[in-house]
PDB file of all heavy atoms in Angstrom:
ATOM      1  N   ASP A   1     133.541 -12.858 231.332  1.00  0.00           N
ATOM      2  CA  ASP A   1     133.410 -13.735 232.483  1.00  0.00           C
ATOM      3  C   ASP A   1     134.542 -13.493 233.483  1.00  0.00           C
ATOM      4  O   ASP A   1     135.124 -14.423 234.026  1.00  0.00           O
ATOM      5  CB  ASP A   1     133.371 -15.199 232.026  1.00  0.00           C
ATOM      6  CG  ASP A   1     132.611 -16.081 233.002  1.00  0.00           C
ATOM      7  OD1 ASP A   1     131.849 -15.540 233.823  1.00  0.00           O
ATOM      8  OD2 ASP A   1     132.798 -17.298 232.962  1.00  0.00           O
ATOM      9  N   LEU A   2     134.869 -12.212 233.708  1.00  0.00           N
ATOM     10  CA  LEU A   2     135.940 -11.855 234.643  1.00  0.00           C
ATOM     11  C   LEU A   2     135.461 -12.082 236.068  1.00  0.00           C
ATOM     12  O   LEU A   2     134.413 -11.575 236.471  1.00  0.00           O
ATOM     13  CB  LEU A   2     136.350 -10.396 234.446  1.00  0.00           C
ATOM     14  CG  LEU A   2     136.909 -10.049 233.061  1.00  0.00           C
ATOM     15  CD1 LEU A   2     137.137  -8.557 232.939  1.00  0.00           C
ATOM     16  CD2 LEU A   2     138.188 -10.802 232.795  1.00  0.00           C
ATOM     17  N   GLN A   3     136.241 -12.855 236.812  1.00  0.00           N
ATOM     18  CA  GLN A   3     135.862 -13.203 238.176  1.00  0.00           C
ATOM     19  C   GLN A   3     137.104 -13.537 238.976  1.00  0.00           C
ATOM     20  O   GLN A   3     138.114 -13.940 238.413  1.00  0.00           O
ATOM     21  CB  GLN A   3     134.916 -14.399 238.157  1.00  0.00           C
ATOM     22  CG  GLN A   3     135.458 -15.603 237.409  1.00  0.00           C
ATOM     23  CD  GLN A   3     134.393 -16.626 237.116  1.00  0.00           C
ATOM     24  OE1 GLN A   3     133.525 -16.844 237.939  1.00  0.00           O
ATOM     25  NE2 GLN A   3     134.439 -17.239 235.956  1.00  0.00           N
ATOM     26  N   GLY A   4     137.019 -13.345 240.267  1.00  0.00           N
ATOM     27  CA  GLY A   4     138.157 -13.666 241.112  1.00  0.00           C
ATOM     28  C   GLY A   4     138.048 -13.030 242.469  1.00  0.00           C
ATOM     29  O   GLY A   4     136.964 -12.672 242.936  1.00  0.00           O
ATOM     30  N   VAL A   5     139.194 -12.866 243.119  1.00  0.00           N
ATOM     31  CA  VAL A   5     139.280 -12.285 244.448  1.00  0.00           C
ATOM     32  C   VAL A   5     140.093 -10.999 244.331  1.00  0.00           C
ATOM     33  O   VAL A   5     141.261 -11.044 243.944  1.00  0.00           O
ATOM     34  CB  VAL A   5     139.946 -13.262 245.438  1.00  0.00           C
ATOM     35  CG1 VAL A   5     140.128 -12.609 246.798  1.00  0.00           C
ATOM     36  CG2 VAL A   5     139.130 -14.548 245.558  1.00  0.00           C
ATOM     37  N   GLY A   6     139.459  -9.878 244.635  1.00  0.00           N
ATOM     38  CA  GLY A   6     140.143  -8.594 244.494  1.00  0.00           C
ATOM     39  C   GLY A   6     140.574  -8.380 243.056  1.00  0.00           C
ATOM     40  O   GLY A   6     139.784  -8.506 242.126  1.00  0.00           O
ATOM     41  N   MET A   7     141.854  -8.088 242.873  1.00  0.00           N
ATOM     42  CA  MET A   7     142.385  -7.818 241.534  1.00  0.00           C
ATOM     43  C   MET A   7     142.954  -9.077 240.857  1.00  0.00           C
ATOM     44  O   MET A   7     143.484  -8.988 239.763  1.00  0.00           O
ATOM     45  CB  MET A   7     143.481  -6.757 241.610  1.00  0.00           C
ATOM     46  CG  MET A   7     142.989  -5.405 242.042  1.00  0.00           C
ATOM     47  SD  MET A   7     142.079  -4.577 240.732  1.00  0.00           S
ATOM     48  CE  MET A   7     141.850  -2.985 241.490  1.00  0.00           C
ATOM     49  N   LYS A   8     142.855 -10.235 241.510  1.00  0.00           N
ATOM     50  CA  LYS A   8     143.359 -11.483 240.911  1.00  0.00           C
ATOM     51  C   LYS A   8     142.182 -12.228 240.283  1.00  0.00           C
ATOM     52  O   LYS A   8     141.224 -12.588 240.974  1.00  0.00           O
ATOM     53  CB  LYS A   8     144.055 -12.344 241.953  1.00  0.00           C
ATOM     54  CG  LYS A   8     145.368 -11.733 242.397  1.00  0.00           C
ATOM     55  CD  LYS A   8     146.235 -12.762 243.057  1.00  0.00           C
ATOM     56  CE  LYS A   8     147.600 -12.123 243.280  1.00  0.00           C
ATOM     57  NZ  LYS A   8     148.643 -13.094 243.346  1.00  0.00           N
ATOM     58  N   LEU A   9     142.272 -12.455 238.984  1.00  0.00           N
ATOM     59  CA  LEU A   9     141.165 -13.031 238.220  1.00  0.00           C
ATOM     60  C   LEU A   9     141.514 -14.421 237.707  1.00  0.00           C
ATOM     61  O   LEU A   9     142.671 -14.724 237.424  1.00  0.00           O
ATOM     62  CB  LEU A   9     140.825 -12.127 237.041  1.00  0.00           C
ATOM     63  CG  LEU A   9     140.598 -10.652 237.365  1.00  0.00           C
ATOM     64  CD1 LEU A   9     140.393  -9.861 236.094  1.00  0.00           C
ATOM     65  CD2 LEU A   9     139.418 -10.482 238.307  1.00  0.00           C
ATOM     66  N   THR A  10     140.477 -15.248 237.535  1.00  0.00           N
ATOM     67  CA  THR A  10     140.655 -16.601 237.024  1.00  0.00           C
ATOM     68  C   THR A  10     139.418 -17.041 236.252  1.00  0.00           C
ATOM     69  O   THR A  10     138.370 -16.400 236.333  1.00  0.00           O
ATOM     70  CB  THR A  10     140.933 -17.592 238.177  1.00  0.00           C
ATOM     71  OG1 THR A  10     141.222 -18.872 237.608  1.00  0.00           O
ATOM     72  CG2 THR A  10     139.757 -17.726 239.116  1.00  0.00           C
ATOM     73  N   ASP A  11     139.546 -18.146 235.543  1.00  0.00           N
ATOM     74  CA  ASP A  11     138.428 -18.786 234.841  1.00  0.00           C
ATOM     75  C   ASP A  11     137.696 -17.812 233.921  1.00  0.00           C
ATOM     76  O   ASP A  11     136.478 -17.751 233.889  1.00  0.00           O
ATOM     77  CB  ASP A  11     137.467 -19.409 235.857  1.00  0.00           C
ATOM     78  CG  ASP A  11     136.526 -20.419 235.214  1.00  0.00           C
ATOM     79  OD1 ASP A  11     136.884 -20.971 234.154  1.00  0.00           O
ATOM     80  OD2 ASP A  11     135.427 -20.641 235.756  1.00  0.00           O
ATOM     81  N   VAL A  12     138.466 -17.039 233.156  1.00  0.00           N
ATOM     82  CA  VAL A  12     137.890 -16.050 232.251  1.00  0.00           C
ATOM     83  C   VAL A  12     137.499 -16.714 230.930  1.00  0.00           C
ATOM     84  O   VAL A  12     137.900 -17.843 230.641  1.00  0.00           O
ATOM     85  CB  VAL A  12     138.874 -14.882 231.991  1.00  0.00           C
ATOM     86  CG1 VAL A  12     139.250 -14.203 233.290  1.00  0.00           C
ATOM     87  CG2 VAL A  12     140.109 -15.345 231.248  1.00  0.00           C
ATOM     88  N   GLY A  13     136.729 -16.007 230.147  1.00  0.00           N
ATOM     89  CA  GLY A  13     136.354 -16.466 228.817  1.00  0.00           C
ATOM     90  C   GLY A  13     136.742 -15.420 227.788  1.00  0.00           C
ATOM     91  O   GLY A  13     137.043 -14.271 228.137  1.00  0.00           O
ATOM     92  N   ILE A  14     136.729 -15.816 226.537  1.00  0.00           N
ATOM     93  CA  ILE A  14     136.988 -14.885 225.438  1.00  0.00           C
ATOM     94  C   ILE A  14     135.938 -15.100 224.362  1.00  0.00           C
ATOM     95  O   ILE A  14     135.676 -16.229 223.956  1.00  0.00           O
ATOM     96  CB  ILE A  14     138.400 -15.073 224.839  1.00  0.00           C
ATOM     97  CG1 ILE A  14     139.477 -14.698 225.866  1.00  0.00           C
ATOM     98  CG2 ILE A  14     138.569 -14.245 223.563  1.00  0.00           C
ATOM     99  CD1 ILE A  14     140.908 -14.851 225.363  1.00  0.00           C
ATOM    100  N   ALA A  15     135.347 -14.007 223.925  1.00  0.00           N
ATOM    101  CA  ALA A  15     134.413 -14.038 222.799  1.00  0.00           C
ATOM    102  C   ALA A  15     135.105 -13.378 221.611  1.00  0.00           C
ATOM    103  O   ALA A  15     135.784 -12.363 221.770  1.00  0.00           O
ATOM    104  CB  ALA A  15     133.131 -13.289 223.147  1.00  0.00           C
ATOM    105  N   THR A  16     134.950 -13.976 220.447  1.00  0.00           N
ATOM    106  CA  THR A  16     135.475 -13.387 219.219  1.00  0.00           C
ATOM    107  C   THR A  16     134.350 -13.337 218.190  1.00  0.00           C
ATOM    108  O   THR A  16     133.339 -14.017 218.340  1.00  0.00           O
ATOM    109  CB  THR A  16     136.639 -14.222 218.628  1.00  0.00           C
ATOM    110  OG1 THR A  16     136.171 -15.556 218.398  1.00  0.00           O
ATOM    111  CG2 THR A  16     137.838 -14.239 219.547  1.00  0.00           C
ATOM    112  N   LEU A  17     134.566 -12.554 217.161  1.00  0.00           N
ATOM    113  CA  LEU A  17     133.628 -12.580 216.049  1.00  0.00           C
ATOM    114  C   LEU A  17     133.660 -13.977 215.440  1.00  0.00           C
ATOM    115  O   LEU A  17     134.586 -14.755 215.706  1.00  0.00           O
ATOM    116  CB  LEU A  17     134.009 -11.531 215.012  1.00  0.00           C
ATOM    117  CG  LEU A  17     133.907 -10.079 215.485  1.00  0.00           C
ATOM    118  CD1 LEU A  17     134.284  -9.124 214.359  1.00  0.00           C
ATOM    119  CD2 LEU A  17     132.507  -9.762 215.987  1.00  0.00           C
ATOM    120  N   ALA A  18     132.684 -14.306 214.625  1.00  0.00           N
ATOM    121  CA  ALA A  18     132.552 -15.660 214.072  1.00  0.00           C
ATOM    122  C   ALA A  18     133.828 -16.145 213.394  1.00  0.00           C
ATOM    123  O   ALA A  18     134.195 -17.306 213.508  1.00  0.00           O
ATOM    124  CB  ALA A  18     131.383 -15.701 213.095  1.00  0.00           C
ATOM    125  N   LYS A  19     134.525 -15.245 212.713  1.00  0.00           N
ATOM    126  CA  LYS A  19     135.733 -15.642 211.984  1.00  0.00           C
ATOM    127  C   LYS A  19     136.956 -15.733 212.897  1.00  0.00           C
ATOM    128  O   LYS A  19     138.026 -16.134 212.476  1.00  0.00           O
ATOM    129  CB  LYS A  19     135.990 -14.665 210.845  1.00  0.00           C
ATOM    130  CG  LYS A  19     136.240 -13.246 211.325  1.00  0.00           C
ATOM    131  CD  LYS A  19     136.343 -12.265 210.188  1.00  0.00           C
ATOM    132  CE  LYS A  19     136.510 -10.879 210.771  1.00  0.00           C
ATOM    133  NZ  LYS A  19     136.200  -9.826 209.904  1.00  0.00           N
ATOM    134  N   GLY A  20     136.790 -15.344 214.174  1.00  0.00           N
ATOM    135  CA  GLY A  20     137.924 -15.344 215.097  1.00  0.00           C
ATOM    136  C   GLY A  20     138.701 -14.049 214.990  1.00  0.00           C
ATOM    137  O   GLY A  20     138.293 -13.104 214.312  1.00  0.00           O
ATOM    138  N   TYR A  21     139.832 -14.006 215.683  1.00  0.00           N
ATOM    139  CA  TYR A  21     140.678 -12.817 215.661  1.00  0.00           C
ATOM    140  C   TYR A  21     142.127 -13.262 215.575  1.00  0.00           C
ATOM    141  O   TYR A  21     142.626 -13.928 216.479  1.00  0.00           O
ATOM    142  CB  TYR A  21     140.452 -11.962 216.914  1.00  0.00           C
ATOM    143  CG  TYR A  21     141.326 -10.740 216.972  1.00  0.00           C
ATOM    144  CD1 TYR A  21     141.109  -9.674 216.114  1.00  0.00           C
ATOM    145  CD2 TYR A  21     142.385 -10.657 217.869  1.00  0.00           C
ATOM    146  CE1 TYR A  21     141.914  -8.550 216.150  1.00  0.00           C
ATOM    147  CE2 TYR A  21     143.200  -9.527 217.918  1.00  0.00           C
ATOM    148  CZ  TYR A  21     142.955  -8.479 217.042  1.00  0.00           C
ATOM    149  OH  TYR A  21     143.755  -7.360 217.073  1.00  0.00           O
ATOM    150  N   LYS A  22     142.776 -12.934 214.468  1.00  0.00           N
ATOM    151  CA  LYS A  22     144.179 -13.296 214.230  1.00  0.00           C
ATOM    152  C   LYS A  22     144.430 -14.786 214.476  1.00  0.00           C
ATOM    153  O   LYS A  22     145.376 -15.180 215.145  1.00  0.00           O
ATOM    154  CB  LYS A  22     145.104 -12.443 215.103  1.00  0.00           C
ATOM    155  CG  LYS A  22     145.053 -10.965 214.750  1.00  0.00           C
ATOM    156  CD  LYS A  22     146.100 -10.189 215.495  1.00  0.00           C
ATOM    157  CE  LYS A  22     146.073  -8.739 215.047  1.00  0.00           C
ATOM    158  NZ  LYS A  22     147.116  -7.938 215.647  1.00  0.00           N
ATOM    159  N   GLY A  23     143.525 -15.606 213.960  1.00  0.00           N
ATOM    160  CA  GLY A  23     143.672 -17.056 214.077  1.00  0.00           C
ATOM    161  C   GLY A  23     143.169 -17.637 215.384  1.00  0.00           C
ATOM    162  O   GLY A  23     143.201 -18.843 215.581  1.00  0.00           O
ATOM    163  N   PHE A  24     142.684 -16.807 216.290  1.00  0.00           N
ATOM    164  CA  PHE A  24     142.219 -17.276 217.597  1.00  0.00           C
ATOM    165  C   PHE A  24     140.701 -17.244 217.644  1.00  0.00           C
ATOM    166  O   PHE A  24     140.089 -16.246 217.306  1.00  0.00           O
ATOM    167  CB  PHE A  24     142.788 -16.390 218.711  1.00  0.00           C
ATOM    168  CG  PHE A  24     142.309 -16.757 220.079  1.00  0.00           C
ATOM    169  CD1 PHE A  24     142.894 -17.809 220.754  1.00  0.00           C
ATOM    170  CD2 PHE A  24     141.267 -16.069 220.681  1.00  0.00           C
ATOM    171  CE1 PHE A  24     142.454 -18.166 222.028  1.00  0.00           C
ATOM    172  CE2 PHE A  24     140.819 -16.416 221.943  1.00  0.00           C
ATOM    173  CZ  PHE A  24     141.420 -17.468 222.614  1.00  0.00           C
ATOM    174  N   LYS A  25     140.100 -18.353 218.055  1.00  0.00           N
ATOM    175  CA  LYS A  25     138.645 -18.399 218.248  1.00  0.00           C
ATOM    176  C   LYS A  25     138.373 -18.535 219.730  1.00  0.00           C
ATOM    177  O   LYS A  25     138.963 -19.373 220.404  1.00  0.00           O
ATOM    178  CB  LYS A  25     138.033 -19.562 217.494  1.00  0.00           C
ATOM    179  CG  LYS A  25     137.852 -19.267 216.027  1.00  0.00           C
ATOM    180  CD  LYS A  25     136.774 -20.149 215.467  1.00  0.00           C
ATOM    181  CE  LYS A  25     136.361 -19.600 214.128  1.00  0.00           C
ATOM    182  NZ  LYS A  25     134.971 -19.653 213.892  1.00  0.00           N
ATOM    183  N   GLY A  26     137.471 -17.720 220.236  1.00  0.00           N
ATOM    184  CA  GLY A  26     137.150 -17.738 221.653  1.00  0.00           C
ATOM    185  C   GLY A  26     136.272 -18.905 222.051  1.00  0.00           C
ATOM    186  O   GLY A  26     135.843 -19.697 221.206  1.00  0.00           O
ATOM    187  N   ASN A  27     135.985 -18.996 223.340  1.00  0.00           N
ATOM    188  CA  ASN A  27     135.150 -20.067 223.873  1.00  0.00           C
ATOM    189  C   ASN A  27     133.779 -19.560 224.314  1.00  0.00           C
ATOM    190  O   ASN A  27     133.024 -20.299 224.936  1.00  0.00           O
ATOM    191  CB  ASN A  27     135.859 -20.764 225.041  1.00  0.00           C
ATOM    192  CG  ASN A  27     136.123 -19.842 226.217  1.00  0.00           C
ATOM    193  OD1 ASN A  27     136.156 -18.627 226.083  1.00  0.00           O
ATOM    194  ND2 ASN A  27     136.327 -20.426 227.380  1.00  0.00           N
ATOM    195  N   CYS A  28     133.456 -18.305 224.024  1.00  0.00           N
ATOM    196  CA  CYS A  28     132.166 -17.720 224.381  1.00  0.00           C
ATOM    197  C   CYS A  28     131.457 -17.227 223.120  1.00  0.00           C
ATOM    198  O   CYS A  28     132.093 -16.933 222.114  1.00  0.00           O
ATOM    199  CB  CYS A  28     132.357 -16.557 225.348  1.00  0.00           C
ATOM    200  SG  CYS A  28     133.032 -17.034 226.933  1.00  0.00           S
ATOM    201  N   SER A  29     130.169 -17.106 223.214  1.00  0.00           N
ATOM    202  CA  SER A  29     129.333 -16.686 222.090  1.00  0.00           C
ATOM    203  C   SER A  29     129.630 -15.249 221.659  1.00  0.00           C
ATOM    204  O   SER A  29     129.950 -14.394 222.482  1.00  0.00           O
ATOM    205  CB  SER A  29     127.866 -16.808 222.489  1.00  0.00           C
ATOM    206  OG  SER A  29     127.035 -16.141 221.576  1.00  0.00           O
ATOM    207  N   ILE A  30     129.471 -14.998 220.374  1.00  0.00           N
ATOM    208  CA  ILE A  30     129.622 -13.640 219.833  1.00  0.00           C
ATOM    209  C   ILE A  30     128.611 -12.685 220.480  1.00  0.00           C
ATOM    210  O   ILE A  30     128.847 -11.482 220.553  1.00  0.00           O
ATOM    211  CB  ILE A  30     129.453 -13.651 218.290  1.00  0.00           C
ATOM    212  CG1 ILE A  30     129.801 -12.284 217.712  1.00  0.00           C
ATOM    213  CG2 ILE A  30     128.065 -14.065 217.890  1.00  0.00           C
ATOM    214  CD1 ILE A  30     129.800 -12.254 216.200  1.00  0.00           C
ATOM    215  N   SER A  31     127.505 -13.221 221.007  1.00  0.00           N
ATOM    216  CA  SER A  31     126.488 -12.370 221.636  1.00  0.00           C
ATOM    217  C   SER A  31     127.064 -11.600 222.823  1.00  0.00           C
ATOM    218  O   SER A  31     126.575 -10.532 223.171  1.00  0.00           O
ATOM    219  CB  SER A  31     125.276 -13.187 222.074  1.00  0.00           C
ATOM    220  OG  SER A  31     125.631 -14.074 223.121  1.00  0.00           O
ATOM    221  N   PHE A  32     128.129 -12.123 223.455  1.00  0.00           N
ATOM    222  CA  PHE A  32     128.746 -11.408 224.569  1.00  0.00           C
ATOM    223  C   PHE A  32     129.352 -10.090 224.089  1.00  0.00           C
ATOM    224  O   PHE A  32     129.330  -9.099 224.811  1.00  0.00           O
ATOM    225  CB  PHE A  32     129.830 -12.246 225.244  1.00  0.00           C
ATOM    226  CG  PHE A  32     129.306 -13.519 225.870  1.00  0.00           C
ATOM    227  CD1 PHE A  32     130.150 -14.592 226.043  1.00  0.00           C
ATOM    228  CD2 PHE A  32     127.999 -13.649 226.273  1.00  0.00           C
ATOM    229  CE1 PHE A  32     129.691 -15.766 226.618  1.00  0.00           C
ATOM    230  CE2 PHE A  32     127.529 -14.814 226.851  1.00  0.00           C
ATOM    231  CZ  PHE A  32     128.381 -15.872 227.029  1.00  0.00           C
ATOM    232  N   ILE A  33     129.891 -10.095 222.866  1.00  0.00           N
ATOM    233  CA  ILE A  33     130.450  -8.864 222.303  1.00  0.00           C
ATOM    234  C   ILE A  33     129.324  -7.870 222.054  1.00  0.00           C
ATOM    235  O   ILE A  33     129.430  -6.689 222.393  1.00  0.00           O
ATOM    236  CB  ILE A  33     131.236  -9.146 221.006  1.00  0.00           C
ATOM    237  CG1 ILE A  33     132.478  -9.992 221.306  1.00  0.00           C
ATOM    238  CG2 ILE A  33     131.628  -7.845 220.310  1.00  0.00           C
ATOM    239  CD1 ILE A  33     133.265 -10.423 220.079  1.00  0.00           C
ATOM    240  N   GLU A  34     128.226  -8.353 221.480  1.00  0.00           N
ATOM    241  CA  GLU A  34     127.088  -7.483 221.196  1.00  0.00           C
ATOM    242  C   GLU A  34     126.504  -6.899 222.482  1.00  0.00           C
ATOM    243  O   GLU A  34     126.188  -5.713 222.550  1.00  0.00           O
ATOM    244  CB  GLU A  34     126.025  -8.266 220.428  1.00  0.00           C
ATOM    245  CG  GLU A  34     126.508  -8.720 219.063  1.00  0.00           C
ATOM    246  CD  GLU A  34     125.693  -9.870 218.476  1.00  0.00           C
ATOM    247  OE1 GLU A  34     124.744 -10.354 219.142  1.00  0.00           O
ATOM    248  OE2 GLU A  34     126.029 -10.306 217.365  1.00  0.00           O
ATOM    249  N   GLN A  35     126.379  -7.747 223.511  1.00  0.00           N
ATOM    250  CA  GLN A  35     125.846  -7.280 224.791  1.00  0.00           C
ATOM    251  C   GLN A  35     126.768  -6.248 225.421  1.00  0.00           C
ATOM    252  O   GLN A  35     126.309  -5.236 225.948  1.00  0.00           O
ATOM    253  CB  GLN A  35     125.672  -8.452 225.760  1.00  0.00           C
ATOM    254  CG  GLN A  35     124.541  -9.369 225.395  1.00  0.00           C
ATOM    255  CD  GLN A  35     124.522 -10.620 226.253  1.00  0.00           C
ATOM    256  OE1 GLN A  35     125.337 -10.800 227.148  1.00  0.00           O
ATOM    257  NE2 GLN A  35     123.585 -11.505 225.968  1.00  0.00           N
ATOM    258  N   PHE A  36     128.064  -6.514 225.372  1.00  0.00           N
ATOM    259  CA  PHE A  36     129.015  -5.571 225.952  1.00  0.00           C
ATOM    260  C   PHE A  36     128.910  -4.223 225.247  1.00  0.00           C
ATOM    261  O   PHE A  36     128.832  -3.179 225.894  1.00  0.00           O
ATOM    262  CB  PHE A  36     130.446  -6.108 225.860  1.00  0.00           C
ATOM    263  CG  PHE A  36     131.470  -5.124 226.347  1.00  0.00           C
ATOM    264  CD1 PHE A  36     131.658  -4.914 227.702  1.00  0.00           C
ATOM    265  CD2 PHE A  36     132.224  -4.376 225.449  1.00  0.00           C
ATOM    266  CE1 PHE A  36     132.573  -3.975 228.167  1.00  0.00           C
ATOM    267  CE2 PHE A  36     133.142  -3.446 225.903  1.00  0.00           C
ATOM    268  CZ  PHE A  36     133.316  -3.244 227.268  1.00  0.00           C
ATOM    269  N   ARG A  37     128.879  -4.252 223.934  1.00  0.00           N
ATOM    270  CA  ARG A  37     128.802  -3.011 223.154  1.00  0.00           C
ATOM    271  C   ARG A  37     127.543  -2.226 223.524  1.00  0.00           C
ATOM    272  O   ARG A  37     127.572  -1.012 223.636  1.00  0.00           O
ATOM    273  CB  ARG A  37     128.827  -3.358 221.667  1.00  0.00           C
ATOM    274  CG  ARG A  37     128.900  -2.167 220.752  1.00  0.00           C
ATOM    275  CD  ARG A  37     129.094  -2.552 219.298  1.00  0.00           C
ATOM    276  NE  ARG A  37     128.148  -3.544 218.855  1.00  0.00           N
ATOM    277  CZ  ARG A  37     128.465  -4.618 218.124  1.00  0.00           C
ATOM    278  NH1 ARG A  37     129.703  -4.828 217.755  1.00  0.00           N
ATOM    279  NH2 ARG A  37     127.550  -5.477 217.752  1.00  0.00           N
ATOM    280  N   ALA A  38     126.447  -2.926 223.755  1.00  0.00           N
ATOM    281  CA  ALA A  38     125.184  -2.254 224.062  1.00  0.00           C
ATOM    282  C   ALA A  38     125.079  -1.805 225.523  1.00  0.00           C
ATOM    283  O   ALA A  38     124.465  -0.780 225.805  1.00  0.00           O
ATOM    284  CB  ALA A  38     124.020  -3.193 223.737  1.00  0.00           C
ATOM    285  N   LEU A  39     125.692  -2.546 226.450  1.00  0.00           N
ATOM    286  CA  LEU A  39     125.466  -2.296 227.869  1.00  0.00           C
ATOM    287  C   LEU A  39     126.606  -1.591 228.604  1.00  0.00           C
ATOM    288  O   LEU A  39     126.393  -1.075 229.693  1.00  0.00           O
ATOM    289  CB  LEU A  39     125.182  -3.623 228.591  1.00  0.00           C
ATOM    290  CG  LEU A  39     123.966  -4.408 228.102  1.00  0.00           C
ATOM    291  CD1 LEU A  39     123.875  -5.746 228.819  1.00  0.00           C
ATOM    292  CD2 LEU A  39     122.684  -3.604 228.302  1.00  0.00           C
ATOM    293  N   HIS A  40     127.803  -1.568 228.045  1.00  0.00           N
ATOM    294  CA  HIS A  40     128.949  -1.001 228.772  1.00  0.00           C
ATOM    295  C   HIS A  40     128.748   0.480 229.068  1.00  0.00           C
ATOM    296  O   HIS A  40     128.349   1.251 228.199  1.00  0.00           O
ATOM    297  CB  HIS A  40     130.235  -1.179 227.972  1.00  0.00           C
ATOM    298  CG  HIS A  40     131.420  -0.496 228.598  1.00  0.00           C
ATOM    299  ND1 HIS A  40     131.990  -0.940 229.768  1.00  0.00           N
ATOM    300  CD2 HIS A  40     132.116   0.603 228.234  1.00  0.00           C
ATOM    301  CE1 HIS A  40     133.001  -0.145 230.091  1.00  0.00           C
ATOM    302  NE2 HIS A  40     133.099   0.799 229.176  1.00  0.00           N
ATOM    303  N   GLN A  41     129.015   0.846 230.316  1.00  0.00           N
ATOM    304  CA  GLN A  41     128.981   2.246 230.716  1.00  0.00           C
ATOM    305  C   GLN A  41     130.401   2.629 231.123  1.00  0.00           C
ATOM    306  O   GLN A  41     130.972   2.028 232.029  1.00  0.00           O
ATOM    307  CB  GLN A  41     128.028   2.451 231.884  1.00  0.00           C
ATOM    308  CG  GLN A  41     126.592   2.187 231.512  1.00  0.00           C
ATOM    309  CD  GLN A  41     125.655   2.345 232.701  1.00  0.00           C
ATOM    310  OE1 GLN A  41     126.081   2.595 233.822  1.00  0.00           O
ATOM    311  NE2 GLN A  41     124.368   2.202 232.450  1.00  0.00           N
ATOM    312  N   CYS A  42     130.959   3.605 230.445  1.00  0.00           N
ATOM    313  CA  CYS A  42     132.322   4.039 230.752  1.00  0.00           C
ATOM    314  C   CYS A  42     132.395   4.576 232.178  1.00  0.00           C
ATOM    315  O   CYS A  42     131.418   5.087 232.710  1.00  0.00           O
ATOM    316  CB  CYS A  42     132.780   5.114 229.769  1.00  0.00           C
ATOM    317  SG  CYS A  42     133.161   4.451 228.137  1.00  0.00           S
TER     318      CYS A  42
END
């Protein structure tokens, strides 16, 4: 959920796997990770 003006970003989200990552749980669905993996073009 990267958004902002130019290179300055705000109101981002974080998706983690169900178990979290190093004690941190994100605020977005794990499906965002799956979608990114499937749709990202380098």
